[in-house]
Amino acid sequence: MAITVERSFVVGTPAATVTLYLAATDQIAVRPQGSGSLITYRAILRFNGVFRLAEPLLRSSFDELADAVQVRLTQVLHALPARGTVK
């Protein structure tokens, strides 16, 4: 008998992660896919105050960071042992 579980959660809330410059929320969703899982990670950034005017300039730096996080997160998740195995 197969059990399917879908989980979605938010790490942080805008109220907890608001700074003078930035509001940030991380969203992580884990869904079954085939014999494994599909993990969706979203970092939502909103610039505050006058920093909204600089968003076009700042966005490229955050996009580069997001690309690096995607690569590293994939490496870490693929290094985890498969369910039911001992490492």
PDB file of N, CA and C in Angstrom:
ATOM      1  N   MET A   1       0.844  -1.178   0.000  1.00  0.00           N
ATOM      2  CA  MET A   1       0.000   0.000   0.000  1.00  0.00           C
ATOM      3  C   MET A   1       0.890   1.242   0.000  1.00  0.00           C
ATOM      4  N   ALA A   2       0.713   2.111  -0.959  1.00  0.00           N
ATOM      5  CA  ALA A   2       1.500   3.339  -1.051  1.00  0.00           C
ATOM      6  C   ALA A   2       0.776   4.473  -0.340  1.00  0.00           C
ATOM      7  N   ILE A   3       1.538   5.274   0.361  1.00  0.00           N
ATOM      8  CA  ILE A   3       0.985   6.447   1.036  1.00  0.00           C
ATOM      9  C   ILE A   3       1.557   7.677   0.353  1.00  0.00           C
ATOM     10  N   THR A   4       0.706   8.587  -0.030  1.00  0.00           N
ATOM     11  CA  THR A   4       1.143   9.818  -0.678  1.00  0.00           C
ATOM     12  C   THR A   4       0.947  10.972   0.294  1.00  0.00           C
ATOM     13  N   VAL A   5       2.001  11.712   0.504  1.00  0.00           N
ATOM     14  CA  VAL A   5       1.947  12.863   1.414  1.00  0.00           C
ATOM     15  C   VAL A   5       2.404  14.090   0.647  1.00  0.00           C
ATOM     16  N   GLU A   6       1.674  15.160   0.787  1.00  0.00           N
ATOM     17  CA  GLU A   6       2.095  16.429   0.189  1.00  0.00           C
ATOM     18  C   GLU A   6       2.196  17.450   1.305  1.00  0.00           C
ATOM     19  N   ARG A   7       3.344  18.115   1.375  1.00  0.00           N
ATOM     20  CA  ARG A   7       3.561  19.111   2.414  1.00  0.00           C
ATOM     21  C   ARG A   7       4.024  20.405   1.782  1.00  0.00           C
ATOM     22  N   SER A   8       3.562  21.482   2.347  1.00  0.00           N
ATOM     23  CA  SER A   8       3.990  22.794   1.912  1.00  0.00           C
ATOM     24  C   SER A   8       4.073  23.660   3.153  1.00  0.00           C
ATOM     25  N   PHE A   9       5.126  24.435   3.288  1.00  0.00           N
ATOM     26  CA  PHE A   9       5.255  25.281   4.460  1.00  0.00           C
ATOM     27  C   PHE A   9       6.047  26.528   4.122  1.00  0.00           C
ATOM     28  N   VAL A  10       5.898  27.522   4.961  1.00  0.00           N
ATOM     29  CA  VAL A  10       6.586  28.796   4.786  1.00  0.00           C
ATOM     30  C   VAL A  10       7.576  28.952   5.926  1.00  0.00           C
ATOM     31  N   VAL A  11       8.796  29.301   5.592  1.00  0.00           N
ATOM     32  CA  VAL A  11       9.831  29.555   6.588  1.00  0.00           C
ATOM     33  C   VAL A  11       9.907  31.065   6.749  1.00  0.00           C
ATOM     34  N   GLY A  12       9.545  31.533   7.900  1.00  0.00           N
ATOM     35  CA  GLY A  12       9.528  32.978   8.129  1.00  0.00           C
ATOM     36  C   GLY A  12       8.220  33.581   7.652  1.00  0.00           C
ATOM     37  N   THR A  13       7.913  34.735   8.125  1.00  0.00           N
ATOM     38  CA  THR A  13       6.738  35.468   7.683  1.00  0.00           C
ATOM     39  C   THR A  13       7.180  36.893   7.399  1.00  0.00           C
ATOM     40  N   PRO A  14       6.446  37.603   6.566  1.00  0.00           N
ATOM     41  CA  PRO A  14       6.869  38.974   6.303  1.00  0.00           C
ATOM     42  C   PRO A  14       7.066  39.784   7.582  1.00  0.00           C
ATOM     43  N   ALA A  15       6.223  39.572   8.583  1.00  0.00           N
ATOM     44  CA  ALA A  15       6.362  40.322   9.831  1.00  0.00           C
ATOM     45  C   ALA A  15       7.665  39.984  10.547  1.00  0.00           C
ATOM     46  N   ALA A  16       8.126  38.740  10.414  1.00  0.00           N
ATOM     47  CA  ALA A  16       9.329  38.308  11.131  1.00  0.00           C
ATOM     48  C   ALA A  16      10.609  38.606  10.367  1.00  0.00           C
ATOM     49  N   THR A  17      10.498  38.874   9.089  1.00  0.00           N
ATOM     50  CA  THR A  17      11.705  39.028   8.287  1.00  0.00           C
ATOM     51  C   THR A  17      11.805  40.387   7.595  1.00  0.00           C
ATOM     52  N   VAL A  18      11.083  41.338   8.091  1.00  0.00           N
ATOM     53  CA  VAL A  18      11.128  42.676   7.502  1.00  0.00           C
ATOM     54  C   VAL A  18      12.275  43.457   8.127  1.00  0.00           C
ATOM     55  N   THR A  19      13.081  44.041   7.288  1.00  0.00           N
ATOM     56  CA  THR A  19      14.141  44.930   7.747  1.00  0.00           C
ATOM     57  C   THR A  19      13.883  46.308   7.136  1.00  0.00           C
ATOM     58  N   LEU A  20      14.747  47.217   7.441  1.00  0.00           N
ATOM     59  CA  LEU A  20      14.637  48.556   6.870  1.00  0.00           C
ATOM     60  C   LEU A  20      14.719  48.504   5.341  1.00  0.00           C
ATOM     61  N   TYR A  21      15.485  47.528   4.828  1.00  0.00           N
ATOM     62  CA  TYR A  21      15.775  47.457   3.394  1.00  0.00           C
ATOM     63  C   TYR A  21      14.938  46.441   2.632  1.00  0.00           C
ATOM     64  N   LEU A  22      14.492  45.378   3.319  1.00  0.00           N
ATOM     65  CA  LEU A  22      14.015  44.202   2.606  1.00  0.00           C
ATOM     66  C   LEU A  22      13.002  43.425   3.430  1.00  0.00           C
ATOM     67  N   ALA A  23      12.003  42.859   2.743  1.00  0.00           N
ATOM     68  CA  ALA A  23      11.093  41.882   3.339  1.00  0.00           C
ATOM     69  C   ALA A  23      11.313  40.576   2.577  1.00  0.00           C
ATOM     70  N   ALA A  24      11.508  39.472   3.298  1.00  0.00           N
ATOM     71  CA  ALA A  24      11.817  38.197   2.641  1.00  0.00           C
ATOM     72  C   ALA A  24      10.988  37.070   3.235  1.00  0.00           C
ATOM     73  N   THR A  25      10.524  36.182   2.367  1.00  0.00           N
ATOM     74  CA  THR A  25       9.799  34.987   2.776  1.00  0.00           C
ATOM     75  C   THR A  25      10.324  33.819   1.953  1.00  0.00           C
ATOM     76  N   ASP A  26      10.592  32.690   2.603  1.00  0.00           N
ATOM     77  CA  ASP A  26      10.990  31.464   1.917  1.00  0.00           C
ATOM     78  C   ASP A  26       9.805  30.512   1.909  1.00  0.00           C
ATOM     79  N   GLN A  27       9.481  29.964   0.753  1.00  0.00           N
ATOM     80  CA  GLN A  27       8.417  28.978   0.628  1.00  0.00           C
ATOM     81  C   GLN A  27       9.020  27.675   0.122  1.00  0.00           C
ATOM     82  N   ILE A  28       8.712  26.577   0.808  1.00  0.00           N
ATOM     83  CA  ILE A  28       9.220  25.264   0.422  1.00  0.00           C
ATOM     84  C   ILE A  28       8.034  24.312   0.310  1.00  0.00           C
ATOM     85  N   ALA A  29       7.911  23.656  -0.837  1.00  0.00           N
ATOM     86  CA  ALA A  29       6.857  22.668  -1.043  1.00  0.00           C
ATOM     87  C   ALA A  29       7.502  21.345  -1.428  1.00  0.00           C
ATOM     88  N   VAL A  30       7.048  20.253  -0.814  1.00  0.00           N
ATOM     89  CA  VAL A  30       7.547  18.908  -1.114  1.00  0.00           C
ATOM     90  C   VAL A  30       6.360  18.080  -1.588  1.00  0.00           C
ATOM     91  N   ARG A  31       6.471  17.538  -2.806  1.00  0.00           N
ATOM     92  CA  ARG A  31       5.392  16.744  -3.383  1.00  0.00           C
ATOM     93  C   ARG A  31       5.954  15.431  -3.925  1.00  0.00           C
ATOM     94  N   PRO A  32       5.182  14.363  -3.824  1.00  0.00           N
ATOM     95  CA  PRO A  32       5.652  13.100  -4.394  1.00  0.00           C
ATOM     96  C   PRO A  32       5.735  13.195  -5.916  1.00  0.00           C
ATOM     97  N   GLN A  33       6.772  12.568  -6.458  1.00  0.00           N
ATOM     98  CA  GLN A  33       6.923  12.505  -7.920  1.00  0.00           C
ATOM     99  C   GLN A  33       7.643  11.206  -8.247  1.00  0.00           C
ATOM    100  N   GLY A  34       6.953  10.323  -8.926  1.00  0.00           N
ATOM    101  CA  GLY A  34       7.543   9.030  -9.262  1.00  0.00           C
ATOM    102  C   GLY A  34       7.969   8.306  -7.990  1.00  0.00           C
ATOM    103  N   SER A  35       9.214   7.835  -7.965  1.00  0.00           N
ATOM    104  CA  SER A  35       9.719   7.137  -6.779  1.00  0.00           C
ATOM    105  C   SER A  35      10.401   8.104  -5.809  1.00  0.00           C
ATOM    106  N   GLY A  36      10.342   9.398  -6.099  1.00  0.00           N
ATOM    107  CA  GLY A  36      10.998  10.381  -5.244  1.00  0.00           C
ATOM    108  C   GLY A  36      10.089  11.542  -4.900  1.00  0.00           C
ATOM    109  N   SER A  37      10.662  12.702  -4.823  1.00  0.00           N
ATOM    110  CA  SER A  37       9.926  13.900  -4.455  1.00  0.00           C
ATOM    111  C   SER A  37      10.313  15.059  -5.363  1.00  0.00           C
ATOM    112  N   LEU A  38       9.378  15.975  -5.535  1.00  0.00           N
ATOM    113  CA  LEU A  38       9.635  17.225  -6.222  1.00  0.00           C
ATOM    114  C   LEU A  38       9.646  18.312  -5.156  1.00  0.00           C
ATOM    115  N   ILE A  39      10.747  19.018  -5.061  1.00  0.00           N
ATOM    116  CA  ILE A  39      10.882  20.066  -4.062  1.00  0.00           C
ATOM    117  C   ILE A  39      10.919  21.404  -4.785  1.00  0.00           C
ATOM    118  N   THR A  40      10.029  22.286  -4.380  1.00  0.00           N
ATOM    119  CA  THR A  40       9.972  23.625  -4.945  1.00  0.00           C
ATOM    120  C   THR A  40      10.353  24.606  -3.848  1.00  0.00           C
ATOM    121  N   TYR A  41      11.344  25.432  -4.125  1.00  0.00           N
ATOM    122  CA  TYR A  41      11.812  26.432  -3.167  1.00  0.00           C
ATOM    123  C   TYR A  41      11.700  27.799  -3.813  1.00  0.00           C
ATOM    124  N   ARG A  42      11.025  28.713  -3.131  1.00  0.00           N
ATOM    125  CA  ARG A  42      10.891  30.083  -3.627  1.00  0.00           C
ATOM    126  C   ARG A  42      11.321  31.044  -2.541  1.00  0.00           C
ATOM    127  N   ALA A  43      12.179  31.949  -2.879  1.00  0.00           N
ATOM    128  CA  ALA A  43      12.546  33.044  -1.985  1.00  0.00           C
ATOM    129  C   ALA A  43      11.907  34.303  -2.560  1.00  0.00           C
ATOM    130  N   ILE A  44      11.037  34.904  -1.795  1.00  0.00           N
ATOM    131  CA  ILE A  44      10.329  36.091  -2.250  1.00  0.00           C
ATOM    132  C   ILE A  44      10.938  37.297  -1.540  1.00  0.00           C
ATOM    133  N   LEU A  45      11.480  38.211  -2.318  1.00  0.00           N
ATOM    134  CA  LEU A  45      12.129  39.399  -1.778  1.00  0.00           C
ATOM    135  C   LEU A  45      11.373  40.638  -2.228  1.00  0.00           C
ATOM    136  N   ARG A  46      11.125  41.515  -1.289  1.00  0.00           N
ATOM    137  CA  ARG A  46      10.502  42.791  -1.610  1.00  0.00           C
ATOM    138  C   ARG A  46      11.343  43.889  -0.978  1.00  0.00           C
ATOM    139  N   PHE A  47      11.799  44.800  -1.794  1.00  0.00           N
ATOM    140  CA  PHE A  47      12.609  45.903  -1.293  1.00  0.00           C
ATOM    141  C   PHE A  47      11.704  46.966  -0.683  1.00  0.00           C
ATOM    142  N   ASN A  48      12.174  47.604   0.385  1.00  0.00           N
ATOM    143  CA  ASN A  48      11.400  48.606   1.106  1.00  0.00           C
ATOM    144  C   ASN A  48      11.932  50.011   0.864  1.00  0.00           C
ATOM    145  N   GLY A  49      11.050  50.980   1.013  1.00  0.00           N
ATOM    146  CA  GLY A  49      11.438  52.381   0.974  1.00  0.00           C
ATOM    147  C   GLY A  49      12.149  52.769  -0.315  1.00  0.00           C
ATOM    148  N   VAL A  50      13.186  53.566  -0.157  1.00  0.00           N
ATOM    149  CA  VAL A  50      13.925  54.055  -1.327  1.00  0.00           C
ATOM    150  C   VAL A  50      14.648  52.934  -2.066  1.00  0.00           C
ATOM    151  N   PHE A  51      14.827  51.789  -1.394  1.00  0.00           N
ATOM    152  CA  PHE A  51      15.500  50.662  -2.047  1.00  0.00           C
ATOM    153  C   PHE A  51      14.657  50.081  -3.183  1.00  0.00           C
ATOM    154  N   ARG A  52      13.344  50.374  -3.154  1.00  0.00           N
ATOM    155  CA  ARG A  52      12.513  49.947  -4.287  1.00  0.00           C
ATOM    156  C   ARG A  52      12.985  50.594  -5.581  1.00  0.00           C
ATOM    157  N   LEU A  53      13.500  51.797  -5.469  1.00  0.00           N
ATOM    158  CA  LEU A  53      14.007  52.491  -6.662  1.00  0.00           C
ATOM    159  C   LEU A  53      15.265  51.813  -7.218  1.00  0.00           C
ATOM    160  N   ALA A  54      16.041  51.180  -6.333  1.00  0.00           N
ATOM    161  CA  ALA A  54      17.280  50.515  -6.744  1.00  0.00           C
ATOM    162  C   ALA A  54      17.051  49.052  -7.112  1.00  0.00           C
ATOM    163  N   GLU A  55      15.824  48.586  -7.009  1.00  0.00           N
ATOM    164  CA  GLU A  55      15.549  47.167  -7.272  1.00  0.00           C
ATOM    165  C   GLU A  55      16.084  46.681  -8.608  1.00  0.00           C
ATOM    166  N   PRO A  56      15.914  47.414  -9.705  1.00  0.00           N
ATOM    167  CA  PRO A  56      16.455  46.912 -10.975  1.00  0.00           C
ATOM    168  C   PRO A  56      17.972  46.662 -10.918  1.00  0.00           C
ATOM    169  N   LEU A  57      18.681  47.483 -10.181  1.00  0.00           N
ATOM    170  CA  LEU A  57      20.132  47.299 -10.058  1.00  0.00           C
ATOM    171  C   LEU A  57      20.473  46.153  -9.106  1.00  0.00           C
ATOM    172  N   LEU A  58      19.709  46.015  -8.026  1.00  0.00           N
ATOM    173  CA  LEU A  58      19.980  44.987  -7.019  1.00  0.00           C
ATOM    174  C   LEU A  58      19.498  43.604  -7.468  1.00  0.00           C
ATOM    175  N   ARG A  59      18.492  43.575  -8.306  1.00  0.00           N
ATOM    176  CA  ARG A  59      17.864  42.306  -8.700  1.00  0.00           C
ATOM    177  C   ARG A  59      18.861  41.339  -9.322  1.00  0.00           C
ATOM    178  N   SER A  60      19.779  41.815 -10.149  1.00  0.00           N
ATOM    179  CA  SER A  60      20.715  40.900 -10.818  1.00  0.00           C
ATOM    180  C   SER A  60      21.603  40.179  -9.807  1.00  0.00           C
ATOM    181  N   SER A  61      21.996  40.866  -8.738  1.00  0.00           N
ATOM    182  CA  SER A  61      22.799  40.207  -7.699  1.00  0.00           C
ATOM    183  C   SER A  61      22.005  39.114  -7.002  1.00  0.00           C
ATOM    184  N   PHE A  62      20.731  39.387  -6.714  1.00  0.00           N
ATOM    185  CA  PHE A  62      19.898  38.375  -6.075  1.00  0.00           C
ATOM    186  C   PHE A  62      19.599  37.218  -7.028  1.00  0.00           C
ATOM    187  N   ASP A  63      19.468  37.502  -8.315  1.00  0.00           N
ATOM    188  CA  ASP A  63      19.261  36.432  -9.292  1.00  0.00           C
ATOM    189  C   ASP A  63      20.479  35.507  -9.358  1.00  0.00           C
ATOM    190  N   GLU A  64      21.679  36.079  -9.290  1.00  0.00           N
ATOM    191  CA  GLU A  64      22.901  35.262  -9.284  1.00  0.00           C
ATOM    192  C   GLU A  64      22.952  34.397  -8.025  1.00  0.00           C
ATOM    193  N   LEU A  65      22.582  34.966  -6.894  1.00  0.00           N
ATOM    194  CA  LEU A  65      22.539  34.207  -5.648  1.00  0.00           C
ATOM    195  C   LEU A  65      21.528  33.069  -5.747  1.00  0.00           C
ATOM    196  N   ALA A  66      20.367  33.350  -6.333  1.00  0.00           N
ATOM    197  CA  ALA A  66      19.340  32.314  -6.494  1.00  0.00           C
ATOM    198  C   ALA A  66      19.839  31.168  -7.361  1.00  0.00           C
ATOM    199  N   ASP A  67      20.566  31.479  -8.419  1.00  0.00           N
ATOM    200  CA  ASP A  67      21.124  30.432  -9.284  1.00  0.00           C
ATOM    201  C   ASP A  67      22.106  29.558  -8.506  1.00  0.00           C
ATOM    202  N   ALA A  68      22.946  30.182  -7.679  1.00  0.00           N
ATOM    203  CA  ALA A  68      23.921  29.429  -6.876  1.00  0.00           C
ATOM    204  C   ALA A  68      23.218  28.557  -5.841  1.00  0.00           C
ATOM    205  N   VAL A  69      22.156  29.071  -5.240  1.00  0.00           N
ATOM    206  CA  VAL A  69      21.395  28.285  -4.260  1.00  0.00           C
ATOM    207  C   VAL A  69      20.759  27.083  -4.933  1.00  0.00           C
ATOM    208  N   GLN A  70      20.234  27.260  -6.133  1.00  0.00           N
ATOM    209  CA  GLN A  70      19.613  26.144  -6.854  1.00  0.00           C
ATOM    210  C   GLN A  70      20.627  25.034  -7.108  1.00  0.00           C
ATOM    211  N   VAL A  71      21.807  25.392  -7.546  1.00  0.00           N
ATOM    212  CA  VAL A  71      22.854  24.392  -7.811  1.00  0.00           C
ATOM    213  C   VAL A  71      23.227  23.672  -6.521  1.00  0.00           C
ATOM    214  N   ARG A  72      23.465  24.428  -5.448  1.00  0.00           N
ATOM    215  CA  ARG A  72      23.900  23.813  -4.187  1.00  0.00           C
ATOM    216  C   ARG A  72      22.795  22.970  -3.557  1.00  0.00           C
ATOM    217  N   LEU A  73      21.559  23.444  -3.595  1.00  0.00           N
ATOM    218  CA  LEU A  73      20.450  22.674  -3.030  1.00  0.00           C
ATOM    219  C   LEU A  73      20.289  21.349  -3.769  1.00  0.00           C
ATOM    220  N   THR A  74      20.429  21.374  -5.081  1.00  0.00           N
ATOM    221  CA  THR A  74      20.350  20.137  -5.873  1.00  0.00           C
ATOM    222  C   THR A  74      21.462  19.170  -5.478  1.00  0.00           C
ATOM    223  N   GLN A  75      22.678  19.674  -5.304  1.00  0.00           N
ATOM    224  CA  GLN A  75      23.808  18.825  -4.894  1.00  0.00           C
ATOM    225  C   GLN A  75      23.547  18.187  -3.530  1.00  0.00           C
ATOM    226  N   VAL A  76      23.088  18.980  -2.590  1.00  0.00           N
ATOM    227  CA  VAL A  76      22.843  18.474  -1.227  1.00  0.00           C
ATOM    228  C   VAL A  76      21.740  17.428  -1.233  1.00  0.00           C
ATOM    229  N   LEU A  77      20.651  17.686  -1.943  1.00  0.00           N
ATOM    230  CA  LEU A  77      19.537  16.736  -1.956  1.00  0.00           C
ATOM    231  C   LEU A  77      19.914  15.437  -2.659  1.00  0.00           C
ATOM    232  N   HIS A  78      20.686  15.511  -3.729  1.00  0.00           N
ATOM    233  CA  HIS A  78      21.104  14.288  -4.423  1.00  0.00           C
ATOM    234  C   HIS A  78      22.100  13.478  -3.600  1.00  0.00           C
ATOM    235  N   ALA A  79      22.785  14.105  -2.664  1.00  0.00           N
ATOM    236  CA  ALA A  79      23.746  13.399  -1.820  1.00  0.00           C
ATOM    237  C   ALA A  79      23.069  12.659  -0.665  1.00  0.00           C
ATOM    238  N   LEU A  80      21.796  12.944  -0.408  1.00  0.00           N
ATOM    239  CA  LEU A  80      21.085  12.267   0.678  1.00  0.00           C
ATOM    240  C   LEU A  80      20.851  10.806   0.318  1.00  0.00           C
ATOM    241  N   PRO A  81      20.879   9.910   1.302  1.00  0.00           N
ATOM    242  CA  PRO A  81      20.604   8.495   1.014  1.00  0.00           C
ATOM    243  C   PRO A  81      19.139   8.310   0.619  1.00  0.00           C
ATOM    244  N   ALA A  82      18.887   7.335  -0.239  1.00  0.00           N
ATOM    245  CA  ALA A  82      17.520   7.014  -0.631  1.00  0.00           C
ATOM    246  C   ALA A  82      16.764   6.466   0.570  1.00  0.00           C
ATOM    247  N   ARG A  83      15.476   6.665   0.584  1.00  0.00           N
ATOM    248  CA  ARG A  83      14.646   6.137   1.681  1.00  0.00           C
ATOM    249  C   ARG A  83      14.840   4.634   1.798  1.00  0.00           C
ATOM    250  N   GLY A  84      14.997   4.184   3.018  1.00  0.00           N
ATOM    251  CA  GLY A  84      15.136   2.750   3.248  1.00  0.00           C
ATOM    252  C   GLY A  84      16.574   2.241   3.163  1.00  0.00           C
ATOM    253  N   THR A  85      17.522   3.133   2.882  1.00  0.00           N
ATOM    254  CA  THR A  85      18.921   2.723   2.831  1.00  0.00           C
ATOM    255  C   THR A  85      19.662   3.329   4.006  1.00  0.00           C
ATOM    256  N   VAL A  86      20.772   2.707   4.346  1.00  0.00           N
ATOM    257  CA  VAL A  86      21.603   3.209   5.425  1.00  0.00           C
ATOM    258  C   VAL A  86      22.889   3.709   4.834  1.00  0.00           C
ATOM    259  N   LYS A  87      23.315   4.894   5.250  1.00  0.00           N
ATOM    260  CA  LYS A  87      24.544   5.457   4.710  1.00  0.00           C
ATOM    261  C   LYS A  87      25.655   5.296   5.723  1.00  0.00           C
TER     262      LYS A  87
END
